[in-house]
N, C-alpha and C. Protein backbone atom coordinates (compact mmCIF):
# COMPACT_ATOMS: atom_id res chain seq x y z
N MET A 1 135.32 59.19 68.87
CA MET A 1 135.04 58.17 67.79
C MET A 1 133.10 57.66 67.90
N PHE A 2 132.95 57.73 67.26
CA PHE A 2 131.37 58.03 66.48
C PHE A 2 131.02 56.63 66.22
N ILE A 3 129.72 55.67 67.49
CA ILE A 3 129.02 54.55 67.15
C ILE A 3 127.97 54.60 66.76
N THR A 4 127.78 54.07 65.44
CA THR A 4 126.53 53.90 64.46
C THR A 4 126.42 52.50 64.62
N LEU A 5 124.50 52.36 64.76
CA LEU A 5 124.06 50.91 64.73
C LEU A 5 122.89 50.78 63.45
N LYS A 6 123.10 49.17 63.54
CA LYS A 6 122.36 48.79 62.43
C LYS A 6 121.59 47.80 62.86
N GLU A 7 120.75 47.46 62.73
CA GLU A 7 119.58 45.99 64.10
C GLU A 7 119.50 45.45 62.56
N ILE A 8 119.43 43.81 62.56
CA ILE A 8 119.42 43.05 61.89
C ILE A 8 118.78 41.84 62.91
N THR A 9 118.45 40.81 61.85
CA THR A 9 117.06 39.38 62.68
C THR A 9 118.76 37.90 61.56
N ILE A 10 119.02 37.49 62.21
CA ILE A 10 119.83 36.09 61.83
C ILE A 10 118.75 35.21 62.85
N GLN A 11 118.19 34.17 61.84
CA GLN A 11 117.78 33.29 62.74
C GLN A 11 116.77 33.90 63.35
N ASN A 12 115.91 34.51 63.20
CA ASN A 12 115.11 35.26 64.60
C ASN A 12 115.81 35.55 65.75
N GLU A 13 117.01 36.15 65.94
CA GLU A 13 117.83 36.73 66.79
C GLU A 13 118.38 37.37 66.20
N GLY A 14 117.75 39.02 67.25
CA GLY A 14 118.63 40.17 67.40
C GLY A 14 119.84 40.51 66.93
N PHE A 15 120.80 40.84 65.87
CA PHE A 15 122.08 41.53 66.17
C PHE A 15 122.41 43.07 65.68
N THR A 16 123.25 43.33 66.25
CA THR A 16 123.60 44.77 65.97
C THR A 16 124.83 44.74 65.20
N LEU A 17 125.17 44.84 64.06
CA LEU A 17 126.10 45.38 63.50
C LEU A 17 126.60 47.14 63.83
N THR A 18 127.99 47.12 63.85
CA THR A 18 128.19 48.69 63.84
C THR A 18 129.48 48.84 63.26
N ASN A 19 129.84 50.33 62.83
CA ASN A 19 130.50 50.88 62.17
C ASN A 19 132.07 50.51 62.84
N GLN A 20 132.09 50.17 64.18
CA GLN A 20 133.52 50.43 64.17
C GLN A 20 133.83 48.87 64.45
N ARG A 21 133.42 47.87 63.39
CA ARG A 21 133.81 46.86 63.06
C ARG A 21 133.39 45.69 64.37
N ALA A 22 132.55 45.57 64.65
CA ALA A 22 131.74 44.24 65.75
C ALA A 22 130.31 44.06 65.67
N VAL A 23 130.01 43.04 66.36
CA VAL A 23 128.37 42.97 66.19
C VAL A 23 127.79 42.47 67.47
N PHE A 24 126.58 43.03 68.23
CA PHE A 24 126.28 42.01 69.04
C PHE A 24 125.33 41.79 69.46
N TRP A 25 125.17 40.97 69.68
CA TRP A 25 124.09 40.09 70.14
C TRP A 25 123.55 40.15 71.36
N LYS A 26 122.38 40.72 71.03
CA LYS A 26 121.48 41.01 72.11
C LYS A 26 121.57 39.54 73.39
N LYS A 27 120.86 38.55 72.84
CA LYS A 27 120.29 37.68 73.94
C LYS A 27 121.17 37.00 74.40
N GLU A 28 122.54 36.97 74.08
CA GLU A 28 123.70 36.47 74.67
C GLU A 28 124.70 37.65 75.39
N LYS A 29 124.34 38.75 75.40
CA LYS A 29 124.88 39.74 75.58
C LYS A 29 126.22 39.92 75.27
N ALA A 30 126.43 39.66 74.07
CA ALA A 30 128.00 38.84 73.70
C ALA A 30 128.67 39.64 72.63
N LEU A 31 129.49 40.42 72.80
CA LEU A 31 130.07 41.80 72.04
C LEU A 31 131.25 40.69 70.74
N ILE A 32 130.74 40.35 69.53
CA ILE A 32 131.59 39.80 68.89
C ILE A 32 132.66 40.18 67.35
N LEU A 33 133.76 39.82 67.54
CA LEU A 33 134.46 40.42 66.15
C LEU A 33 135.53 39.59 66.09
N SER A 34 136.49 40.03 64.95
CA SER A 34 137.78 38.84 64.98
C SER A 34 138.22 39.61 63.97
N ASP A 35 139.30 38.90 63.84
CA ASP A 35 140.76 39.69 63.06
C ASP A 35 141.38 40.66 64.07
N LEU A 36 142.07 40.32 65.23
CA LEU A 36 142.48 41.53 65.50
C LEU A 36 144.25 41.87 65.66
N HIS A 37 144.04 40.49 65.05
CA HIS A 37 145.98 40.69 64.66
C HIS A 37 146.96 41.44 65.88
N ILE A 38 146.19 41.04 67.11
CA ILE A 38 147.94 42.01 68.17
C ILE A 38 148.88 41.44 67.85
N GLY A 39 149.57 42.35 67.91
CA GLY A 39 151.62 41.97 67.64
C GLY A 39 151.72 42.43 66.68
N LYS A 40 150.80 42.71 65.23
CA LYS A 40 151.23 42.78 63.96
C LYS A 40 152.29 43.62 64.09
N THR A 41 152.17 45.16 64.46
CA THR A 41 152.81 46.09 64.29
C THR A 41 154.55 45.78 65.06
N ALA A 42 154.01 44.83 66.05
CA ALA A 42 155.79 44.89 66.92
C ALA A 42 156.36 43.86 65.80
N HIS A 43 155.65 43.13 65.65
CA HIS A 43 156.11 41.91 64.52
C HIS A 43 156.52 42.93 63.19
N PHE A 44 156.15 44.12 62.31
CA PHE A 44 156.79 44.55 61.34
C PHE A 44 157.85 45.76 61.92
N ARG A 45 158.21 45.96 62.86
CA ARG A 45 159.27 46.66 63.67
C ARG A 45 160.15 45.31 63.94
N LYS A 46 159.76 44.40 64.63
CA LYS A 46 161.10 43.64 64.64
C LYS A 46 161.87 43.14 63.52
N ASN A 47 161.37 43.26 62.31
CA ASN A 47 161.77 43.29 61.05
C ASN A 47 162.54 44.27 60.22
N GLY A 48 162.39 45.47 60.66
CA GLY A 48 163.12 46.46 60.36
C GLY A 48 161.99 47.47 59.21
N ILE A 49 160.62 47.00 59.92
CA ILE A 49 159.71 47.67 58.92
C ILE A 49 159.08 48.82 59.75
N ALA A 50 159.14 49.94 59.85
CA ALA A 50 158.54 51.54 60.88
C ALA A 50 157.17 51.26 60.74
N VAL A 51 156.33 50.68 61.45
CA VAL A 51 155.16 51.16 61.84
C VAL A 51 154.85 51.13 63.39
N ALA A 52 153.90 52.54 63.37
CA ALA A 52 153.23 53.53 64.96
C ALA A 52 152.76 52.55 65.54
N ASN A 53 152.94 52.42 66.53
CA ASN A 53 152.43 51.95 67.38
C ASN A 53 150.99 52.42 67.92
N HIS A 54 150.74 53.46 67.33
CA HIS A 54 149.48 54.13 67.39
C HIS A 54 147.90 52.89 67.25
N ILE A 55 148.37 51.86 66.14
CA ILE A 55 147.49 51.59 65.47
C ILE A 55 147.10 50.21 66.33
N MET A 56 147.90 50.08 66.84
CA MET A 56 147.35 48.81 67.98
C MET A 56 146.16 49.68 69.01
N LYS A 57 146.75 50.82 69.64
CA LYS A 57 146.41 51.62 71.08
C LYS A 57 144.74 52.17 70.26
N SER A 58 144.86 52.33 68.92
CA SER A 58 143.74 52.71 68.42
C SER A 58 142.58 51.77 68.50
N ASP A 59 143.15 50.56 67.78
CA ASP A 59 142.26 49.41 68.09
C ASP A 59 141.78 49.11 69.71
N LEU A 60 142.24 49.55 70.69
CA LEU A 60 141.84 49.01 71.65
C LEU A 60 141.01 49.84 72.52
N GLN A 61 141.40 51.05 71.95
CA GLN A 61 140.55 51.87 72.36
C GLN A 61 139.24 52.25 71.73
N ARG A 62 138.82 51.79 70.36
CA ARG A 62 137.75 51.34 69.72
C ARG A 62 137.63 50.19 70.80
N LEU A 63 137.73 48.84 71.37
CA LEU A 63 137.62 48.11 72.07
C LEU A 63 137.02 48.78 72.98
N SER A 64 137.55 49.31 73.34
CA SER A 64 136.94 49.68 74.97
C SER A 64 135.38 50.47 74.96
N ALA A 65 135.71 51.46 73.99
CA ALA A 65 134.38 51.73 73.92
C ALA A 65 133.18 51.40 73.41
N LEU A 66 133.35 50.57 72.58
CA LEU A 66 132.18 49.38 72.59
C LEU A 66 132.01 48.56 73.63
N ILE A 67 132.94 48.65 74.57
CA ILE A 67 132.51 47.33 75.66
C ILE A 67 131.54 48.58 77.17
N GLU A 68 132.12 49.38 76.88
CA GLU A 68 131.44 50.68 78.05
C GLU A 68 130.49 50.89 77.19
N TYR A 69 129.81 51.30 75.91
CA TYR A 69 128.34 51.46 75.15
C TYR A 69 127.64 49.87 75.21
N PHE A 70 127.82 48.61 75.52
CA PHE A 70 126.86 47.79 75.28
C PHE A 70 126.98 46.88 76.11
N GLN A 71 128.29 46.98 77.40
CA GLN A 71 128.39 46.51 78.75
C GLN A 71 128.29 45.00 78.59
N PRO A 72 128.75 44.12 77.63
CA PRO A 72 128.70 42.99 77.39
C PRO A 72 129.24 41.93 78.69
N GLU A 73 128.40 40.65 78.27
CA GLU A 73 129.46 39.75 79.62
C GLU A 73 129.96 38.62 78.47
N LYS A 74 129.81 38.60 77.65
CA LYS A 74 130.89 37.88 76.95
C LYS A 74 131.30 38.83 75.21
N PHE A 75 133.06 38.21 75.61
CA PHE A 75 133.72 38.84 73.99
C PHE A 75 134.08 37.70 73.80
N ILE A 76 133.60 37.29 72.12
CA ILE A 76 134.15 36.17 71.57
C ILE A 76 134.98 36.85 70.41
N VAL A 77 135.63 36.39 70.05
CA VAL A 77 136.96 36.66 68.94
C VAL A 77 137.22 35.92 67.88
N VAL A 78 136.25 35.47 66.58
CA VAL A 78 136.45 34.51 66.27
C VAL A 78 137.69 34.46 65.09
N GLY A 79 138.33 34.16 66.01
CA GLY A 79 140.37 33.71 65.13
C GLY A 79 140.99 34.81 64.86
N ASP A 80 142.28 34.70 64.85
CA ASP A 80 143.20 35.73 64.65
C ASP A 80 143.71 36.58 65.65
N LEU A 81 142.90 36.34 66.97
CA LEU A 81 143.21 37.47 68.02
C LEU A 81 145.04 38.22 68.38
N LEU A 82 145.98 36.67 67.80
CA LEU A 82 147.97 37.35 67.87
C LEU A 82 147.37 37.79 66.01
N HIS A 83 148.56 37.68 66.06
CA HIS A 83 149.79 37.73 64.73
C HIS A 83 150.81 37.06 64.28
N ALA A 84 151.12 36.92 64.69
CA ALA A 84 152.33 36.26 65.31
C ALA A 84 153.32 35.45 66.91
N GLY A 85 152.52 35.07 67.34
CA GLY A 85 152.64 34.49 69.18
C GLY A 85 152.88 35.44 70.01
N ASP A 86 154.17 35.55 70.87
CA ASP A 86 154.09 36.35 72.10
C ASP A 86 154.86 37.50 71.54
N ASN A 87 154.51 38.83 72.35
CA ASN A 87 155.61 39.91 71.86
C ASN A 87 155.30 41.06 72.61
N SER A 88 155.61 41.81 72.54
CA SER A 88 155.60 43.60 73.46
C SER A 88 153.80 43.94 73.07
N ASP A 89 153.38 43.76 71.94
CA ASP A 89 151.82 44.17 71.90
C ASP A 89 151.11 43.20 72.44
N VAL A 90 151.56 42.18 72.76
CA VAL A 90 150.34 41.02 73.25
C VAL A 90 150.23 41.21 74.62
N ASP A 91 152.24 42.11 75.28
CA ASP A 91 151.73 42.53 76.36
C ASP A 91 151.03 43.89 76.82
N GLU A 92 151.09 44.27 76.23
CA GLU A 92 150.10 45.25 76.34
C GLU A 92 148.68 44.87 75.83
N PHE A 93 147.79 44.17 75.22
CA PHE A 93 146.79 43.93 75.42
C PHE A 93 146.48 43.20 76.18
N CYS A 94 147.60 42.66 76.90
CA CYS A 94 147.23 41.76 78.58
C CYS A 94 147.03 42.48 79.15
N GLN A 95 147.53 43.67 80.04
CA GLN A 95 147.16 44.94 80.35
C GLN A 95 145.77 45.28 80.44
N TRP A 96 145.70 45.67 78.82
CA TRP A 96 144.36 46.33 78.65
C TRP A 96 143.11 45.10 78.82
N ARG A 97 143.19 43.92 79.08
CA ARG A 97 142.19 42.88 79.13
C ARG A 97 142.03 43.26 80.55
N ASN A 98 142.56 42.63 81.56
CA ASN A 98 143.23 43.03 83.00
C ASN A 98 142.12 44.18 83.58
N GLN A 99 141.62 45.45 81.92
CA GLN A 99 140.60 45.53 83.25
C GLN A 99 139.55 45.21 83.27
N TYR A 100 139.06 44.31 82.43
CA TYR A 100 137.85 43.81 82.39
C TYR A 100 137.70 42.12 83.18
N PRO A 101 137.76 41.91 84.28
CA PRO A 101 138.21 41.48 85.02
C PRO A 101 137.18 40.25 84.86
N ASP A 102 135.78 40.64 84.47
CA ASP A 102 134.26 40.15 84.76
C ASP A 102 133.78 39.49 83.57
N LEU A 103 134.67 40.22 82.20
CA LEU A 103 134.29 39.71 80.92
C LEU A 103 134.58 38.59 80.22
N GLN A 104 133.95 37.94 80.13
CA GLN A 104 134.13 36.19 79.80
C GLN A 104 135.13 36.05 78.25
N PHE A 105 135.81 35.60 78.01
CA PHE A 105 136.88 35.99 76.94
C PHE A 105 137.44 34.57 76.18
N TYR A 106 136.05 34.47 75.22
CA TYR A 106 136.57 33.21 73.99
C TYR A 106 136.92 33.40 72.68
N LEU A 107 137.61 32.31 72.83
CA LEU A 107 138.83 32.50 71.53
C LEU A 107 138.28 31.59 70.96
N ILE A 108 138.08 31.72 69.77
CA ILE A 108 137.73 30.24 68.15
C ILE A 108 139.30 30.81 67.89
N GLU A 109 139.82 29.71 67.56
CA GLU A 109 141.33 29.50 66.92
C GLU A 109 141.58 29.91 65.50
N GLY A 110 142.33 30.79 65.09
CA GLY A 110 142.57 30.99 63.80
C GLY A 110 144.13 30.56 63.30
N ASN A 111 144.25 30.71 62.02
CA ASN A 111 144.96 30.36 61.16
C ASN A 111 146.47 31.14 61.82
N HIS A 112 146.51 32.56 62.43
CA HIS A 112 147.43 33.23 62.88
C HIS A 112 147.57 32.42 64.86
N ASP A 113 147.24 32.20 65.25
CA ASP A 113 146.75 32.13 66.71
C ASP A 113 147.62 30.60 67.48
N ARG A 114 148.66 31.12 67.27
CA ARG A 114 149.89 30.07 67.60
C ARG A 114 149.95 30.79 69.07
N ILE A 115 149.32 29.35 69.91
CA ILE A 115 148.96 30.18 71.30
C ILE A 115 149.89 28.91 72.35
N SER A 116 150.81 29.13 73.15
CA SER A 116 151.11 28.01 74.10
C SER A 116 150.62 28.13 75.35
N GLU A 117 150.82 26.92 75.97
CA GLU A 117 150.41 26.72 77.25
C GLU A 117 149.99 28.13 78.19
N ALA A 118 151.30 28.66 78.25
CA ALA A 118 151.55 29.80 79.30
C ALA A 118 151.29 31.32 78.16
N LEU A 119 151.40 31.26 76.91
CA LEU A 119 150.47 32.20 76.69
C LEU A 119 149.07 31.87 77.14
N GLU A 120 148.58 31.08 76.91
CA GLU A 120 147.07 31.06 77.28
C GLU A 120 146.74 31.65 78.54
N LYS A 121 147.74 30.84 79.31
CA LYS A 121 147.61 31.44 80.44
C LYS A 121 147.84 32.91 80.80
N LYS A 122 148.21 33.99 79.94
CA LYS A 122 148.62 35.01 80.11
C LYS A 122 147.55 35.57 79.65
N LEU A 123 147.00 35.60 78.72
CA LEU A 123 145.84 36.18 77.58
C LEU A 123 144.81 36.40 78.44
N CYS A 124 144.51 35.45 79.70
CA CYS A 124 143.57 35.31 80.55
C CYS A 124 142.16 34.96 79.69
N LEU A 125 142.20 33.64 78.77
CA LEU A 125 141.22 32.83 78.64
C LEU A 125 139.71 31.83 79.33
N ASP A 126 139.36 32.52 78.76
CA ASP A 126 138.25 31.44 79.43
C ASP A 126 137.40 30.53 78.47
N PHE A 127 137.88 30.50 77.34
CA PHE A 127 137.70 29.14 76.50
C PHE A 127 138.44 29.48 75.26
N LYS A 128 138.98 28.49 74.15
CA LYS A 128 139.53 28.53 73.50
C LYS A 128 138.91 27.24 73.07
N ALA A 129 139.10 27.44 71.24
CA ALA A 129 139.09 25.94 70.71
C ALA A 129 138.76 26.45 69.46
N SER A 130 139.13 25.09 68.53
CA SER A 130 138.76 25.61 66.75
C SER A 130 137.21 25.92 66.46
N LEU A 131 136.30 25.77 67.24
CA LEU A 131 134.84 26.26 67.69
C LEU A 131 134.06 25.81 68.58
N LEU A 132 132.76 27.21 68.31
CA LEU A 132 132.20 27.20 69.49
C LEU A 132 130.81 26.84 68.84
N GLU A 133 129.97 26.13 69.36
CA GLU A 133 128.51 26.02 69.61
C GLU A 133 127.84 26.81 70.43
N LEU A 134 127.25 27.67 69.77
CA LEU A 134 125.79 28.97 70.81
C LEU A 134 124.98 28.89 70.55
N GLY A 135 124.02 28.26 70.94
CA GLY A 135 122.38 28.22 70.30
C GLY A 135 122.19 28.03 68.94
N MET A 136 122.23 28.51 68.06
CA MET A 136 121.66 28.05 66.73
C MET A 136 123.26 28.10 65.59
N PHE A 137 124.21 28.58 66.50
CA PHE A 137 125.41 29.28 65.83
C PHE A 137 126.50 28.56 65.70
N THR A 138 127.50 28.37 64.41
CA THR A 138 128.47 28.11 64.79
C THR A 138 129.65 28.91 64.98
N PHE A 139 130.45 29.07 65.55
CA PHE A 139 131.34 30.25 65.80
C PHE A 139 133.06 29.91 64.66
N ILE A 140 133.95 29.79 63.80
CA ILE A 140 134.33 28.99 63.12
C ILE A 140 135.51 30.62 62.54
N HIS A 141 136.68 30.41 62.55
CA HIS A 141 137.51 31.45 61.83
C HIS A 141 137.18 31.27 60.22
N ASP A 142 137.00 30.67 59.65
CA ASP A 142 137.06 30.15 58.46
C ASP A 142 136.26 29.59 57.92
N PHE A 143 134.88 29.56 56.82
CA PHE A 143 133.87 29.01 57.09
C PHE A 143 133.51 27.67 56.68
N ASP A 144 133.18 26.60 57.10
CA ASP A 144 133.74 25.49 56.52
C ASP A 144 132.15 24.71 56.05
N LYS A 145 132.72 24.35 54.78
CA LYS A 145 131.85 23.68 53.76
C LYS A 145 130.70 22.04 54.02
N GLU A 146 131.58 21.82 54.94
CA GLU A 146 131.29 20.67 55.58
C GLU A 146 129.98 20.43 56.35
N ARG A 147 130.31 21.92 57.28
CA ARG A 147 129.07 21.94 57.98
C ARG A 147 127.68 22.13 57.44
N SER A 148 126.71 21.89 58.84
CA SER A 148 125.60 22.81 58.45
C SER A 148 125.43 23.71 59.05
N GLY A 149 124.07 24.12 59.35
CA GLY A 149 123.86 25.32 60.29
C GLY A 149 124.60 26.43 59.88
N PHE A 150 124.03 27.70 60.79
CA PHE A 150 124.59 29.01 60.29
C PHE A 150 125.64 29.29 61.32
N GLN A 151 126.76 29.54 60.50
CA GLN A 151 128.67 30.30 60.74
C GLN A 151 128.33 31.44 60.74
N ILE A 152 128.97 32.01 62.06
CA ILE A 152 129.68 33.24 62.18
C ILE A 152 130.98 33.38 62.03
N THR A 153 131.89 33.79 60.80
CA THR A 153 133.26 33.43 60.66
C THR A 153 134.04 34.99 60.52
N GLY A 154 135.17 34.83 60.33
CA GLY A 154 136.43 36.19 59.94
C GLY A 154 137.08 35.43 58.68
N HIS A 155 138.22 35.82 58.96
CA HIS A 155 139.72 35.10 58.14
C HIS A 155 139.17 35.92 56.66
N ILE A 156 138.62 36.78 56.01
CA ILE A 156 138.58 36.88 54.76
C ILE A 156 139.08 38.38 55.07
N HIS A 157 138.59 39.14 55.91
CA HIS A 157 138.75 40.78 55.89
C HIS A 157 137.81 41.25 54.68
N PRO A 158 136.42 41.21 54.78
CA PRO A 158 135.61 41.64 53.36
C PRO A 158 135.35 42.85 53.41
N GLY A 159 135.39 43.27 52.09
CA GLY A 159 135.44 44.33 51.61
C GLY A 159 135.13 44.84 50.25
N VAL A 160 133.90 45.78 50.37
CA VAL A 160 133.59 45.95 48.64
C VAL A 160 133.99 47.35 47.95
N VAL A 161 133.70 47.04 46.64
CA VAL A 161 134.25 48.10 45.71
C VAL A 161 133.20 49.34 45.91
N LEU A 162 132.68 50.28 45.61
CA LEU A 162 132.20 51.31 45.50
C LEU A 162 132.50 52.24 44.05
N ASN A 163 131.51 52.32 43.22
CA ASN A 163 132.11 53.24 42.12
C ASN A 163 131.16 54.45 41.90
N SER A 164 131.98 55.68 42.16
CA SER A 164 131.23 57.04 41.75
C SER A 164 132.01 57.43 41.09
N ALA A 165 131.51 58.91 40.31
CA ALA A 165 131.64 59.30 39.13
C ALA A 165 132.83 59.93 39.15
N VAL A 166 133.83 60.01 40.25
CA VAL A 166 135.54 60.52 40.67
C VAL A 166 136.20 59.54 40.66
N LYS A 167 136.36 58.43 41.72
CA LYS A 167 136.70 57.47 41.59
C LYS A 167 136.16 56.43 42.28
N ARG A 168 137.13 54.94 42.29
CA ARG A 168 136.36 53.66 42.98
C ARG A 168 136.92 53.38 43.97
N ILE A 169 135.98 53.42 45.21
CA ILE A 169 135.99 53.53 46.75
C ILE A 169 136.14 52.14 47.64
N ARG A 170 137.27 51.76 48.19
CA ARG A 170 137.06 50.40 48.56
C ARG A 170 136.76 50.20 50.52
N LEU A 171 135.55 49.90 50.88
CA LEU A 171 134.98 49.66 52.04
C LEU A 171 135.27 48.37 52.67
N PRO A 172 135.37 47.89 54.06
CA PRO A 172 134.94 47.11 54.65
C PRO A 172 133.61 46.47 55.32
N CYS A 173 133.40 45.73 55.31
CA CYS A 173 131.67 45.61 55.17
C CYS A 173 131.79 44.24 55.80
N PHE A 174 130.30 44.15 56.38
CA PHE A 174 129.81 42.67 57.17
C PHE A 174 129.24 42.00 55.67
N ALA A 175 129.26 40.84 55.81
CA ALA A 175 128.59 40.03 54.66
C ALA A 175 127.56 38.82 55.07
N ILE A 176 126.13 39.41 54.62
CA ILE A 176 125.27 37.92 55.00
C ILE A 176 124.66 37.15 53.96
N SER A 177 124.41 36.10 54.41
CA SER A 177 124.38 34.66 53.60
C SER A 177 123.07 33.79 54.15
N GLU A 178 122.38 33.52 53.30
CA GLU A 178 121.81 32.33 54.03
C GLU A 178 122.07 31.22 55.05
N ASN A 179 123.57 31.46 55.38
CA ASN A 179 124.19 30.37 56.14
C ASN A 179 125.30 30.77 57.01
N GLN A 180 125.57 32.21 56.33
CA GLN A 180 126.98 32.61 57.40
C GLN A 180 127.01 33.92 57.37
N LEU A 181 127.29 34.50 59.13
CA LEU A 181 127.69 36.26 58.93
C LEU A 181 129.07 36.14 59.31
N LEU A 182 129.65 37.22 57.85
CA LEU A 182 131.49 37.04 57.57
C LEU A 182 131.43 38.45 57.97
N LEU A 183 132.46 38.50 59.37
CA LEU A 183 132.53 39.61 59.94
C LEU A 183 133.79 40.76 59.67
N PRO A 184 133.82 41.75 59.21
CA PRO A 184 135.62 42.17 58.82
C PRO A 184 136.46 42.35 59.42
N ALA A 185 137.47 42.47 59.49
CA ALA A 185 139.02 42.33 60.63
C ALA A 185 138.73 43.67 60.84
N PHE A 186 138.71 43.45 62.92
CA PHE A 186 138.12 44.63 63.88
C PHE A 186 139.73 45.43 63.43
N SER A 187 141.17 44.89 63.32
CA SER A 187 142.62 45.91 63.15
C SER A 187 142.09 46.97 61.81
N GLU A 188 142.84 47.85 62.18
CA GLU A 188 142.31 49.05 60.82
C GLU A 188 143.96 48.20 60.06
N PHE A 189 144.77 47.52 60.41
CA PHE A 189 146.01 47.65 59.75
C PHE A 189 145.96 46.24 59.22
N THR A 190 145.14 46.13 58.10
CA THR A 190 144.50 44.46 57.37
C THR A 190 144.30 45.23 56.13
N GLY A 191 144.45 44.06 55.26
CA GLY A 191 143.71 44.55 53.95
C GLY A 191 142.22 44.12 53.69
N LEU A 192 141.79 44.51 52.55
CA LEU A 192 140.52 43.76 52.25
C LEU A 192 140.53 43.31 50.90
N ASP A 193 139.71 42.05 51.02
CA ASP A 193 139.34 41.17 49.87
C ASP A 193 138.39 41.28 49.61
N THR A 194 138.03 41.41 48.19
CA THR A 194 136.83 42.61 47.40
C THR A 194 136.03 41.57 46.59
N LYS A 195 137.13 39.79 46.58
CA LYS A 195 136.56 39.02 45.70
C LYS A 195 135.86 38.05 45.96
N ASN A 196 136.85 37.25 47.30
CA ASN A 196 136.37 35.75 47.67
C ASN A 196 135.18 36.16 49.01
N LEU A 197 134.15 37.08 48.24
CA LEU A 197 132.68 36.88 48.90
C LEU A 197 131.72 36.08 49.05
N PRO A 198 131.33 35.82 50.15
CA PRO A 198 130.18 34.51 50.18
C PRO A 198 129.11 35.06 49.12
N LYS A 199 128.63 34.20 48.03
CA LYS A 199 128.08 34.03 46.99
C LYS A 199 126.40 34.60 47.77
N ASN A 200 125.57 35.36 46.51
CA ASN A 200 124.01 35.79 47.07
C ASN A 200 123.89 36.26 48.68
N SER A 201 125.09 36.74 49.20
CA SER A 201 125.16 37.74 50.50
C SER A 201 124.35 38.86 49.99
N ARG A 202 124.20 39.67 51.08
CA ARG A 202 123.83 41.28 51.93
C ARG A 202 125.14 41.95 52.41
N PHE A 203 125.54 42.80 51.65
CA PHE A 203 126.67 43.64 52.41
C PHE A 203 126.03 44.74 52.79
N PHE A 204 126.91 44.71 54.25
CA PHE A 204 126.81 46.59 54.84
C PHE A 204 128.31 46.90 55.24
N VAL A 205 128.02 47.95 54.84
CA VAL A 205 129.57 48.56 54.43
C VAL A 205 129.07 49.84 55.39
N PHE A 206 130.59 50.27 55.54
CA PHE A 206 130.79 51.53 56.90
C PHE A 206 132.04 51.71 56.68
N THR A 207 131.42 52.99 57.30
CA THR A 207 132.93 54.60 57.45
C THR A 207 132.73 54.72 58.91
N ASP A 208 133.44 55.66 59.30
CA ASP A 208 133.78 56.52 60.24
C ASP A 208 132.58 56.83 61.18
N ALA A 209 131.56 57.13 60.22
CA ALA A 209 130.39 57.71 60.97
C ALA A 209 129.37 57.17 60.21
N GLU A 210 128.90 55.82 59.44
CA GLU A 210 127.67 55.37 59.36
C GLU A 210 127.87 54.00 58.90
N ILE A 211 126.41 53.43 58.75
CA ILE A 211 126.78 51.98 58.54
C ILE A 211 125.48 52.04 57.56
N TYR A 212 125.40 51.15 56.09
CA TYR A 212 124.50 50.68 55.63
C TYR A 212 124.58 49.65 54.14
N GLU A 213 123.30 48.89 54.10
CA GLU A 213 123.49 48.53 53.39
C GLU A 213 123.46 48.86 51.83
N VAL A 214 124.57 47.93 51.09
CA VAL A 214 124.61 48.62 49.54
C VAL A 214 123.82 47.02 48.27
């Protein structure tokens, strides 16, 4: 796995975008991502749809590589940590989580995060709420038009379409507007929304080897 970086400034704060679907906030030493959808593969298998388990394993391997690279103190998931409650994939995630006992784990609840008190304890969360205000930023799963200030969000699974002479290519991206940083889905087992993106945004697309603004 190759980690490529793109340094940006938001509200006079330094952030590092990566081609591995996550962003690092230097001041807070926070690794930030959204939409892991842990349990999605197990949910599909339970319903008779053959989906390989290596998809989630690959997501967790990428996450471990990012933790080793940035050495964060905080791990912030901006919604949809889970996909369909508790299942065998969640057990595997909890085993992975136990490798990092000193990492502060923040979950901003998304529409898929149906978490009981027992499951919350199992996940070893340090923080769980519908939003998190940290410094000048509000972390919330879906953009709230009624709120002021700068929001860091997920939910949309943003992507853009690039046209070449041969074909149209769909790539995941980060989208940055004057009041929002929209994160890509961290899990590769998700679709892309290329239409419902913030207006007047800068788009940073990425591949396995690079990240660049379009």
